[in-house]
Amino acid sequence: MSLFARNVFLLWLLMLSSTCNAFGRNEVHVKITNSLEDGADLYLHCKSADNDLGVKILHPNASYGWSFSINFFATTLFHCSFQWEYDSHSFAIYKATGDGQRCDTCSWKIKRDGPCLILPQNSECYPWDSLLQRINKRKRAMSLYARNIFLLWLLMLSSTCNAFGRNEVHVTITNSLEDGADLYLHCKSADNDLGVKILHPNTSYGWSFSINFFATTLFHCSFQWEYYSHSFAIYKATRDGQRCDTCSWKIKRDGPCLILPQHSECYRW
């Protein structure tokens, strides 16, 4: 790099830093408190495009917080999933475009009806926008004609899948951690979030699904126990479609193992 180019680069870095400091704060702290009215434990999973904070368990009135910097374009977004008992919800807990000017310490209380942002002068509470509500909104926006065409396409798709290859898969995950720790499991695909599950030693959780027409189905899972947190693509149609329609996994400290009829295939985290 020439001396001129290097100087231009250093000048750009200086301007970038000055711009961030001059035009808005970029250090934020978010805190989430379990304020569920009947004292249930809250299972929390927050992540941004760059950071997955893992699954946290908040006992009644307990809190979890983290700090981060707003990016240069002020597009920072942290999205969280919340689960307790039989309820599961998700919410954008921090959006720089909306929250950047109203709090640098953003304290949220999670209630059964929805999350509440606690500000110095007031509180702002939001209702949960459940998956069913979002589906209903999309259905209302779809015209009758377009919906009928879509249903016809699904029928043709189903017939094609049944004719040319299996499309029904069952995945089972077993907690085989060697020292008997509980395993906190959270699996989801692009269309289905299965929520947080707690697997005691040697217990299992399973679910069934259909491979999509383009064979791009992907289920990704996060695993947490004690102070460890890992993630793994537990089902990839491009990888697993030809080797198992009942895919049984054992989760060990070193990584997950796929149990096949003739052998096992183990992966490192």
C-alpha atoms as a PDB file:
ATOM      1  CA  MET A   1       0.000   0.000   0.000  1.00  0.00           C
ATOM      2  CA  SER A   2       1.422   3.397  -0.963  1.00  0.00           C
ATOM      3  CA  LEU A   3       1.950   6.072   1.692  1.00  0.00           C
ATOM      4  CA  PHE A   4      -0.830   8.178   0.160  1.00  0.00           C
ATOM      5  CA  ALA A   5      -3.337   5.325   0.136  1.00  0.00           C
ATOM      6  CA  ARG A   6      -2.486   4.402   3.709  1.00  0.00           C
ATOM      7  CA  ASN A   7      -2.958   7.991   4.871  1.00  0.00           C
ATOM      8  CA  VAL A   8      -6.341   8.167   3.119  1.00  0.00           C
ATOM      9  CA  PHE A   9      -7.397   4.931   4.822  1.00  0.00           C
ATOM     10  CA  LEU A  10      -6.340   6.194   8.267  1.00  0.00           C
ATOM     11  CA  LEU A  11      -8.139   9.490   7.648  1.00  0.00           C
ATOM     12  CA  TRP A  12     -11.296   7.560   6.716  1.00  0.00           C
ATOM     13  CA  LEU A  13     -11.094   5.539   9.957  1.00  0.00           C
ATOM     14  CA  LEU A  14     -10.703   8.756  11.951  1.00  0.00           C
ATOM     15  CA  MET A  15     -13.711  10.329  10.226  1.00  0.00           C
ATOM     16  CA  LEU A  16     -15.751   7.184  10.802  1.00  0.00           C
ATOM     17  CA  SER A  17     -14.982   7.190  14.515  1.00  0.00           C
ATOM     18  CA  SER A  18     -15.719  10.907  14.798  1.00  0.00           C
ATOM     19  CA  THR A  19     -18.989  10.539  12.941  1.00  0.00           C
ATOM     20  CA  CYS A  20     -20.183   7.790  15.267  1.00  0.00           C
ATOM     21  CA  ASN A  21     -19.333   9.861  18.340  1.00  0.00           C
ATOM     22  CA  ALA A  22     -20.708  13.110  16.989  1.00  0.00           C
ATOM     23  CA  PHE A  23     -24.044  12.070  15.575  1.00  0.00           C
ATOM     24  CA  GLY A  24     -25.326   9.649  18.174  1.00  0.00           C
ATOM     25  CA  ARG A  25     -24.472   7.371  21.020  1.00  0.00           C
ATOM     26  CA  ASN A  26     -23.466   3.899  19.906  1.00  0.00           C
ATOM     27  CA  GLU A  27     -23.109   2.052  23.231  1.00  0.00           C
ATOM     28  CA  VAL A  28     -26.307   0.372  24.415  1.00  0.00           C
ATOM     29  CA  HIS A  29     -27.203  -1.842  27.359  1.00  0.00           C
ATOM     30  CA  VAL A  30     -30.342  -3.996  27.217  1.00  0.00           C
ATOM     31  CA  LYS A  31     -31.810  -5.679  30.294  1.00  0.00           C
ATOM     32  CA  ILE A  32     -34.695  -8.173  30.319  1.00  0.00           C
ATOM     33  CA  THR A  33     -36.571  -9.080  33.514  1.00  0.00           C
ATOM     34  CA  ASN A  34     -38.929 -12.015  34.030  1.00  0.00           C
ATOM     35  CA  SER A  35     -42.097 -10.314  35.303  1.00  0.00           C
ATOM     36  CA  LEU A  36     -44.530 -13.119  34.433  1.00  0.00           C
ATOM     37  CA  GLU A  37     -47.438 -12.669  36.804  1.00  0.00           C
ATOM     38  CA  ASP A  38     -47.730 -16.262  38.099  1.00  0.00           C
ATOM     39  CA  GLY A  39     -44.046 -16.889  38.784  1.00  0.00           C
ATOM     40  CA  ALA A  40     -43.136 -19.167  35.861  1.00  0.00           C
ATOM     41  CA  ASP A  41     -39.561 -19.589  34.627  1.00  0.00           C
ATOM     42  CA  LEU A  42     -38.839 -17.718  31.394  1.00  0.00           C
ATOM     43  CA  TYR A  43     -36.701 -19.261  28.646  1.00  0.00           C
ATOM     44  CA  LEU A  44     -34.998 -16.496  26.687  1.00  0.00           C
ATOM     45  CA  HIS A  45     -33.045 -16.648  23.423  1.00  0.00           C
ATOM     46  CA  CYS A  46     -31.748 -13.412  21.876  1.00  0.00           C
ATOM     47  CA  LYS A  47     -29.602 -12.852  18.823  1.00  0.00           C
ATOM     48  CA  SER A  48     -28.626 -10.342  16.177  1.00  0.00           C
ATOM     49  CA  ALA A  49     -27.219 -10.936  12.719  1.00  0.00           C
ATOM     50  CA  ASP A  50     -23.741 -11.185  14.271  1.00  0.00           C
ATOM     51  CA  ASN A  51     -24.282 -12.446  17.823  1.00  0.00           C
ATOM     52  CA  ASP A  52     -26.252 -15.400  19.192  1.00  0.00           C
ATOM     53  CA  LEU A  53     -26.507 -15.003  22.978  1.00  0.00           C
ATOM     54  CA  GLY A  54     -27.772 -18.540  23.549  1.00  0.00           C
ATOM     55  CA  VAL A  55     -30.637 -19.783  25.695  1.00  0.00           C
ATOM     56  CA  LYS A  56     -31.008 -18.209  29.150  1.00  0.00           C
ATOM     57  CA  ILE A  57     -33.305 -19.306  31.983  1.00  0.00           C
ATOM     58  CA  LEU A  58     -34.746 -16.441  34.017  1.00  0.00           C
ATOM     59  CA  HIS A  59     -36.359 -17.405  37.292  1.00  0.00           C
ATOM     60  CA  PRO A  60     -39.166 -15.106  38.588  1.00  0.00           C
ATOM     61  CA  ASN A  61     -37.993 -11.471  38.859  1.00  0.00           C
ATOM     62  CA  ALA A  62     -34.499 -12.400  37.639  1.00  0.00           C
ATOM     63  CA  SER A  63     -32.815 -10.386  34.873  1.00  0.00           C
ATOM     64  CA  TYR A  64     -30.349 -10.848  32.030  1.00  0.00           C
ATOM     65  CA  GLY A  65     -28.525  -8.054  30.238  1.00  0.00           C
ATOM     66  CA  TRP A  66     -25.854  -7.410  27.625  1.00  0.00           C
ATOM     67  CA  SER A  67     -24.096  -4.459  26.006  1.00  0.00           C
ATOM     68  CA  PHE A  68     -23.249  -3.758  22.390  1.00  0.00           C
ATOM     69  CA  SER A  69     -22.407  -0.990  19.957  1.00  0.00           C
ATOM     70  CA  ILE A  70     -24.782   0.323  17.303  1.00  0.00           C
ATOM     71  CA  ASN A  71     -23.338  -0.162  13.845  1.00  0.00           C
ATOM     72  CA  PHE A  72     -22.380   2.766  11.626  1.00  0.00           C
ATOM     73  CA  PHE A  73     -25.589   2.615   9.577  1.00  0.00           C
ATOM     74  CA  ALA A  74     -27.818   2.372  12.698  1.00  0.00           C
ATOM     75  CA  THR A  75     -29.431  -0.894  11.550  1.00  0.00           C
ATOM     76  CA  THR A  76     -28.573  -2.930  14.659  1.00  0.00           C
ATOM     77  CA  LEU A  77     -31.379  -5.371  15.519  1.00  0.00           C
ATOM     78  CA  PHE A  78     -31.688  -7.897  18.347  1.00  0.00           C
ATOM     79  CA  HIS A  79     -34.584 -10.334  18.138  1.00  0.00           C
ATOM     80  CA  CYS A  80     -35.602 -12.513  21.104  1.00  0.00           C
ATOM     81  CA  SER A  81     -37.791 -15.567  21.583  1.00  0.00           C
ATOM     82  CA  PHE A  82     -39.603 -16.084  24.884  1.00  0.00           C
ATOM     83  CA  GLN A  83     -41.086 -19.313  26.171  1.00  0.00           C
ATOM     84  CA  TRP A  84     -42.797 -20.402  29.368  1.00  0.00           C
ATOM     85  CA  GLU A  85     -45.082 -23.341  30.007  1.00  0.00           C
ATOM     86  CA  TYR A  86     -47.117 -23.729  26.783  1.00  0.00           C
ATOM     87  CA  ASP A  87     -46.609 -20.183  25.476  1.00  0.00           C
ATOM     88  CA  SER A  88     -44.026 -19.133  22.903  1.00  0.00           C
ATOM     89  CA  HIS A  89     -43.526 -15.639  21.470  1.00  0.00           C
ATOM     90  CA  SER A  90     -40.924 -13.532  19.702  1.00  0.00           C
ATOM     91  CA  PHE A  91     -40.200  -9.808  19.665  1.00  0.00           C
ATOM     92  CA  ALA A  92     -37.630  -7.347  18.304  1.00  0.00           C
ATOM     93  CA  ILE A  93     -36.221  -6.282  21.676  1.00  0.00           C
ATOM     94  CA  TYR A  94     -33.898  -3.672  20.189  1.00  0.00           C
ATOM     95  CA  LYS A  95     -34.187  -1.844  16.861  1.00  0.00           C
ATOM     96  CA  ALA A  96     -31.717   0.992  16.386  1.00  0.00           C
ATOM     97  CA  THR A  97     -34.117   2.747  14.014  1.00  0.00           C
ATOM     98  CA  GLY A  98     -36.768   2.985  16.741  1.00  0.00           C
ATOM     99  CA  ASP A  99     -34.902   2.682  20.040  1.00  0.00           C
ATOM    100  CA  GLY A 100     -31.684   4.529  19.238  1.00  0.00           C
ATOM    101  CA  GLN A 101     -33.085   7.906  20.256  1.00  0.00           C
ATOM    102  CA  ARG A 102     -35.118   6.888  23.302  1.00  0.00           C
ATOM    103  CA  CYS A 103     -32.805   4.756  25.442  1.00  0.00           C
ATOM    104  CA  ASP A 104     -29.190   3.765  25.815  1.00  0.00           C
ATOM    105  CA  THR A 105     -30.102   1.645  28.842  1.00  0.00           C
ATOM    106  CA  CYS A 106     -33.210  -0.200  27.659  1.00  0.00           C
ATOM    107  CA  SER A 107     -34.933  -2.105  30.470  1.00  0.00           C
ATOM    108  CA  TRP A 108     -37.711  -4.523  29.514  1.00  0.00           C
ATOM    109  CA  LYS A 109     -40.175  -6.384  31.718  1.00  0.00           C
ATOM    110  CA  ILE A 110     -41.680  -9.509  30.168  1.00  0.00           C
ATOM    111  CA  LYS A 111     -45.320 -10.123  31.072  1.00  0.00           C
ATOM    112  CA  ARG A 112     -47.879 -12.623  29.845  1.00  0.00           C
ATOM    113  CA  ASP A 113     -49.591 -10.005  27.674  1.00  0.00           C
ATOM    114  CA  GLY A 114     -46.362  -8.733  26.141  1.00  0.00           C
ATOM    115  CA  PRO A 115     -43.063  -6.886  26.783  1.00  0.00           C
ATOM    116  CA  CYS A 116     -42.933  -3.471  28.500  1.00  0.00           C
ATOM    117  CA  LEU A 117     -40.105  -0.957  27.980  1.00  0.00           C
ATOM    118  CA  ILE A 118     -39.457   0.905  31.243  1.00  0.00           C
ATOM    119  CA  LEU A 119     -38.485   4.515  30.520  1.00  0.00           C
ATOM    120  CA  PRO A 120     -37.706   7.273  33.076  1.00  0.00           C
ATOM    121  CA  GLN A 121     -41.032   9.056  32.565  1.00  0.00           C
ATOM    122  CA  ASN A 122     -43.336   6.256  31.436  1.00  0.00           C
ATOM    123  CA  SER A 123     -43.625   2.643  30.297  1.00  0.00           C
ATOM    124  CA  GLU A 124     -44.419   1.453  26.781  1.00  0.00           C
ATOM    125  CA  CYS A 125     -46.068  -1.960  26.543  1.00  0.00           C
ATOM    126  CA  TYR A 126     -46.606  -4.003  23.397  1.00  0.00           C
ATOM    127  CA  PRO A 127     -48.868  -6.997  22.697  1.00  0.00           C
ATOM    128  CA  TRP A 128     -47.375 -10.209  21.404  1.00  0.00           C
ATOM    129  CA  ASP A 129     -47.661 -10.590  17.642  1.00  0.00           C
ATOM    130  CA  SER A 130     -48.112 -14.341  17.624  1.00  0.00           C
ATOM    131  CA  LEU A 131     -47.336 -16.629  14.714  1.00  0.00           C
ATOM    132  CA  LEU A 132     -51.064 -17.308  14.305  1.00  0.00           C
ATOM    133  CA  GLN A 133     -51.807 -13.585  14.111  1.00  0.00           C
ATOM    134  CA  ARG A 134     -49.140 -13.095  11.439  1.00  0.00           C
ATOM    135  CA  ILE A 135     -50.539 -16.016   9.429  1.00  0.00           C
ATOM    136  CA  ASN A 136     -54.037 -14.554   9.676  1.00  0.00           C
ATOM    137  CA  LYS A 137     -52.777 -11.169   8.488  1.00  0.00           C
ATOM    138  CA  ARG A 138     -51.174 -12.762   5.458  1.00  0.00           C
ATOM    139  CA  LYS A 139     -54.336 -14.736   4.733  1.00  0.00           C
ATOM    140  CA  ARG A 140     -56.498 -11.609   4.870  1.00  0.00           C
ATOM    141  CA  ALA A 141     -54.085  -9.884   2.469  1.00  0.00           C
ATOM    142  CA  MET A 142     -54.285 -12.736  -0.025  1.00  0.00           C
ATOM    143  CA  SER A 143     -57.078 -12.533  -2.581  1.00  0.00           C
ATOM    144  CA  LEU A 144     -59.453 -15.487  -2.992  1.00  0.00           C
ATOM    145  CA  TYR A 145     -58.162 -16.183  -6.490  1.00  0.00           C
ATOM    146  CA  ALA A 146     -54.486 -16.169  -5.480  1.00  0.00           C
ATOM    147  CA  ARG A 147     -55.223 -18.396  -2.488  1.00  0.00           C
ATOM    148  CA  ASN A 148     -56.984 -20.984  -4.650  1.00  0.00           C
ATOM    149  CA  ILE A 149     -54.073 -21.016  -7.089  1.00  0.00           C
ATOM    150  CA  PHE A 150     -51.684 -21.501  -4.171  1.00  0.00           C
ATOM    151  CA  LEU A 151     -53.709 -24.425  -2.785  1.00  0.00           C
ATOM    152  CA  LEU A 152     -53.787 -26.033  -6.217  1.00  0.00           C
ATOM    153  CA  TRP A 153     -50.014 -25.686  -6.467  1.00  0.00           C
ATOM    154  CA  LEU A 154     -49.598 -27.293  -3.025  1.00  0.00           C
ATOM    155  CA  LEU A 155     -51.749 -30.224  -4.135  1.00  0.00           C
ATOM    156  CA  MET A 156     -49.621 -30.716  -7.235  1.00  0.00           C
ATOM    157  CA  LEU A 157     -46.466 -30.376  -5.136  1.00  0.00           C
ATOM    158  CA  SER A 158     -47.623 -33.017  -2.674  1.00  0.00           C
ATOM    159  CA  SER A 159     -48.435 -35.447  -5.481  1.00  0.00           C
ATOM    160  CA  THR A 160     -45.042 -34.882  -7.086  1.00  0.00           C
ATOM    161  CA  CYS A 161     -43.175 -35.462  -3.825  1.00  0.00           C
ATOM    162  CA  ASN A 162     -45.039 -38.692  -3.121  1.00  0.00           C
ATOM    163  CA  ALA A 163     -44.417 -39.951  -6.637  1.00  0.00           C
ATOM    164  CA  PHE A 164     -40.687 -39.238  -6.921  1.00  0.00           C
ATOM    165  CA  GLY A 165     -39.228 -39.648  -3.442  1.00  0.00           C
ATOM    166  CA  ARG A 166     -39.844 -39.790   0.258  1.00  0.00           C
ATOM    167  CA  ASN A 167     -40.623 -36.490   1.897  1.00  0.00           C
ATOM    168  CA  GLU A 168     -41.552 -37.496   5.449  1.00  0.00           C
ATOM    169  CA  VAL A 169     -38.743 -37.315   7.996  1.00  0.00           C
ATOM    170  CA  HIS A 170     -38.593 -37.918  11.740  1.00  0.00           C
ATOM    171  CA  VAL A 171     -35.733 -36.480  13.812  1.00  0.00           C
ATOM    172  CA  THR A 172     -34.966 -37.590  17.371  1.00  0.00           C
ATOM    173  CA  ILE A 173     -32.426 -35.924  19.674  1.00  0.00           C
ATOM    174  CA  THR A 174     -31.203 -37.655  22.852  1.00  0.00           C
ATOM    175  CA  ASN A 175     -29.296 -36.071  25.732  1.00  0.00           C
ATOM    176  CA  SER A 176     -26.209 -38.295  26.003  1.00  0.00           C
ATOM    177  CA  LEU A 177     -23.991 -35.816  27.853  1.00  0.00           C
ATOM    178  CA  GLU A 178     -21.496 -37.948  29.711  1.00  0.00           C
ATOM    179  CA  ASP A 179     -21.802 -36.377  33.185  1.00  0.00           C
ATOM    180  CA  GLY A 180     -25.594 -36.268  33.372  1.00  0.00           C
ATOM    181  CA  ALA A 181     -26.236 -32.533  32.840  1.00  0.00           C
ATOM    182  CA  ASP A 182     -29.586 -31.209  31.627  1.00  0.00           C
ATOM    183  CA  LEU A 183     -29.576 -30.166  27.966  1.00  0.00           C
ATOM    184  CA  TYR A 184     -31.417 -27.051  26.778  1.00  0.00           C
ATOM    185  CA  LEU A 185     -32.438 -27.518  23.168  1.00  0.00           C
ATOM    186  CA  HIS A 186     -33.855 -24.999  20.677  1.00  0.00           C
ATOM    187  CA  CYS A 187     -34.510 -26.099  17.087  1.00  0.00           C
ATOM    188  CA  LYS A 188     -36.055 -24.226  14.201  1.00  0.00           C
ATOM    189  CA  SER A 189     -36.305 -24.050  10.440  1.00  0.00           C
ATOM    190  CA  ALA A 190     -37.202 -21.111   8.229  1.00  0.00           C
ATOM    191  CA  ASP A 191     -40.891 -21.916   8.804  1.00  0.00           C
ATOM    192  CA  ASN A 192     -41.060 -23.615  12.207  1.00  0.00           C
ATOM    193  CA  ASP A 193     -39.694 -22.595  15.608  1.00  0.00           C
ATOM    194  CA  LEU A 194     -40.010 -25.597  17.944  1.00  0.00           C
ATOM    195  CA  GLY A 195     -39.258 -23.573  21.073  1.00  0.00           C
ATOM    196  CA  VAL A 196     -36.933 -24.350  23.958  1.00  0.00           C
ATOM    197  CA  LYS A 197     -36.965 -27.930  25.291  1.00  0.00           C
ATOM    198  CA  ILE A 198     -35.276 -29.272  28.425  1.00  0.00           C
ATOM    199  CA  LEU A 199     -33.872 -32.777  28.049  1.00  0.00           C
ATOM    200  CA  HIS A 200     -32.914 -34.525  31.262  1.00  0.00           C
ATOM    201  CA  PRO A 201     -30.143 -37.170  31.052  1.00  0.00           C
ATOM    202  CA  ASN A 202     -30.914 -39.914  28.500  1.00  0.00           C
ATOM    203  CA  THR A 203     -34.286 -38.418  27.535  1.00  0.00           C
ATOM    204  CA  SER A 204     -35.245 -37.580  23.951  1.00  0.00           C
ATOM    205  CA  TYR A 205     -37.257 -35.125  21.908  1.00  0.00           C
ATOM    206  CA  GLY A 206     -38.450 -35.698  18.352  1.00  0.00           C
ATOM    207  CA  TRP A 207     -40.560 -34.181  15.610  1.00  0.00           C
ATOM    208  CA  SER A 208     -41.695 -34.994  12.079  1.00  0.00           C
ATOM    209  CA  PHE A 209     -41.807 -32.844   8.964  1.00  0.00           C
ATOM    210  CA  SER A 210     -41.928 -32.977   5.184  1.00  0.00           C
ATOM    211  CA  ILE A 211     -39.022 -32.118   2.909  1.00  0.00           C
ATOM    212  CA  ASN A 212     -39.915 -29.244   0.621  1.00  0.00           C
ATOM    213  CA  PHE A 213     -40.145 -29.622  -3.144  1.00  0.00           C
ATOM    214  CA  PHE A 214     -36.696 -28.131  -3.770  1.00  0.00           C
ATOM    215  CA  ALA A 215     -35.035 -30.333  -1.092  1.00  0.00           C
ATOM    216  CA  THR A 216     -33.648 -27.332   0.773  1.00  0.00           C
ATOM    217  CA  THR A 217     -35.239 -28.118   4.148  1.00  0.00           C
ATOM    218  CA  LEU A 218     -32.926 -27.145   7.017  1.00  0.00           C
ATOM    219  CA  PHE A 219     -33.388 -27.424  10.784  1.00  0.00           C
ATOM    220  CA  HIS A 220     -30.797 -25.680  12.925  1.00  0.00           C
ATOM    221  CA  CYS A 221     -30.505 -26.336  16.673  1.00  0.00           C
ATOM    222  CA  SER A 222     -28.773 -24.624  19.574  1.00  0.00           C
ATOM    223  CA  PHE A 223     -27.594 -26.700  22.528  1.00  0.00           C
ATOM    224  CA  GLN A 224     -26.744 -25.394  25.972  1.00  0.00           C
ATOM    225  CA  TRP A 225     -25.682 -26.985  29.246  1.00  0.00           C
ATOM    226  CA  GLU A 226     -23.854 -25.540  32.221  1.00  0.00           C
ATOM    227  CA  TYR A 227     -21.502 -22.920  30.708  1.00  0.00           C
ATOM    228  CA  TYR A 228     -21.401 -24.412  27.208  1.00  0.00           C
ATOM    229  CA  SER A 229     -23.357 -23.266  24.178  1.00  0.00           C
ATOM    230  CA  HIS A 230     -23.159 -24.741  20.656  1.00  0.00           C
ATOM    231  CA  SER A 231     -25.200 -24.859  17.466  1.00  0.00           C
ATOM    232  CA  PHE A 232     -25.468 -27.393  14.667  1.00  0.00           C
ATOM    233  CA  ALA A 233     -27.509 -28.026  11.506  1.00  0.00           C
ATOM    234  CA  ILE A 234     -29.311 -31.121  12.799  1.00  0.00           C
ATOM    235  CA  TYR A 235     -31.073 -31.782   9.490  1.00  0.00           C
ATOM    236  CA  LYS A 236     -30.022 -30.669   6.007  1.00  0.00           C
ATOM    237  CA  ALA A 237     -31.972 -32.221   3.158  1.00  0.00           C
ATOM    238  CA  THR A 238     -28.957 -31.897   0.864  1.00  0.00           C
ATOM    239  CA  ARG A 239     -26.834 -33.821   3.374  1.00  0.00           C
ATOM    240  CA  ASP A 240     -29.309 -36.161   5.098  1.00  0.00           C
ATOM    241  CA  GLY A 241     -32.062 -36.705   2.525  1.00  0.00           C
ATOM    242  CA  GLN A 242     -30.542 -39.875   1.124  1.00  0.00           C
ATOM    243  CA  ARG A 243     -29.174 -41.412   4.321  1.00  0.00           C
ATOM    244  CA  CYS A 244     -32.065 -41.349   6.822  1.00  0.00           C
ATOM    245  CA  ASP A 245     -35.780 -40.774   7.061  1.00  0.00           C
ATOM    246  CA  THR A 246     -35.611 -41.526  10.790  1.00  0.00           C
ATOM    247  CA  CYS A 247     -32.595 -39.535  11.919  1.00  0.00           C
ATOM    248  CA  SER A 248     -31.558 -40.284  15.506  1.00  0.00           C
ATOM    249  CA  TRP A 249     -28.949 -38.023  17.104  1.00  0.00           C
ATOM    250  CA  LYS A 250     -27.093 -38.380  20.393  1.00  0.00           C
ATOM    251  CA  ILE A 251     -25.696 -35.168  21.854  1.00  0.00           C
ATOM    252  CA  LYS A 252     -22.343 -35.539  23.583  1.00  0.00           C
ATOM    253  CA  ARG A 253     -19.900 -33.032  25.013  1.00  0.00           C
ATOM    254  CA  ASP A 254     -17.601 -33.336  21.993  1.00  0.00           C
ATOM    255  CA  GLY A 255     -20.398 -32.982  19.447  1.00  0.00           C
ATOM    256  CA  PRO A 256     -23.508 -34.626  17.952  1.00  0.00           C
ATOM    257  CA  CYS A 257     -23.547 -38.222  16.680  1.00  0.00           C
ATOM    258  CA  LEU A 258     -25.962 -39.508  14.026  1.00  0.00           C
ATOM    259  CA  ILE A 259     -26.913 -43.121  14.791  1.00  0.00           C
ATOM    260  CA  LEU A 260     -27.369 -45.077  11.545  1.00  0.00           C
ATOM    261  CA  PRO A 261     -28.263 -48.783  11.192  1.00  0.00           C
ATOM    262  CA  GLN A 262     -24.722 -49.854  10.259  1.00  0.00           C
ATOM    263  CA  HIS A 263     -22.585 -47.209  11.953  1.00  0.00           C
ATOM    264  CA  SER A 264     -22.498 -43.832  13.679  1.00  0.00           C
ATOM    265  CA  GLU A 265     -21.273 -40.521  12.254  1.00  0.00           C
ATOM    266  CA  CYS A 266     -20.005 -38.027  14.844  1.00  0.00           C
ATOM    267  CA  TYR A 267     -19.225 -34.354  14.310  1.00  0.00           C
ATOM    268  CA  ARG A 268     -17.182 -31.865  16.313  1.00  0.00           C
ATOM    269  CA  TRP A 269     -18.781 -28.639  17.516  1.00  0.00           C
END
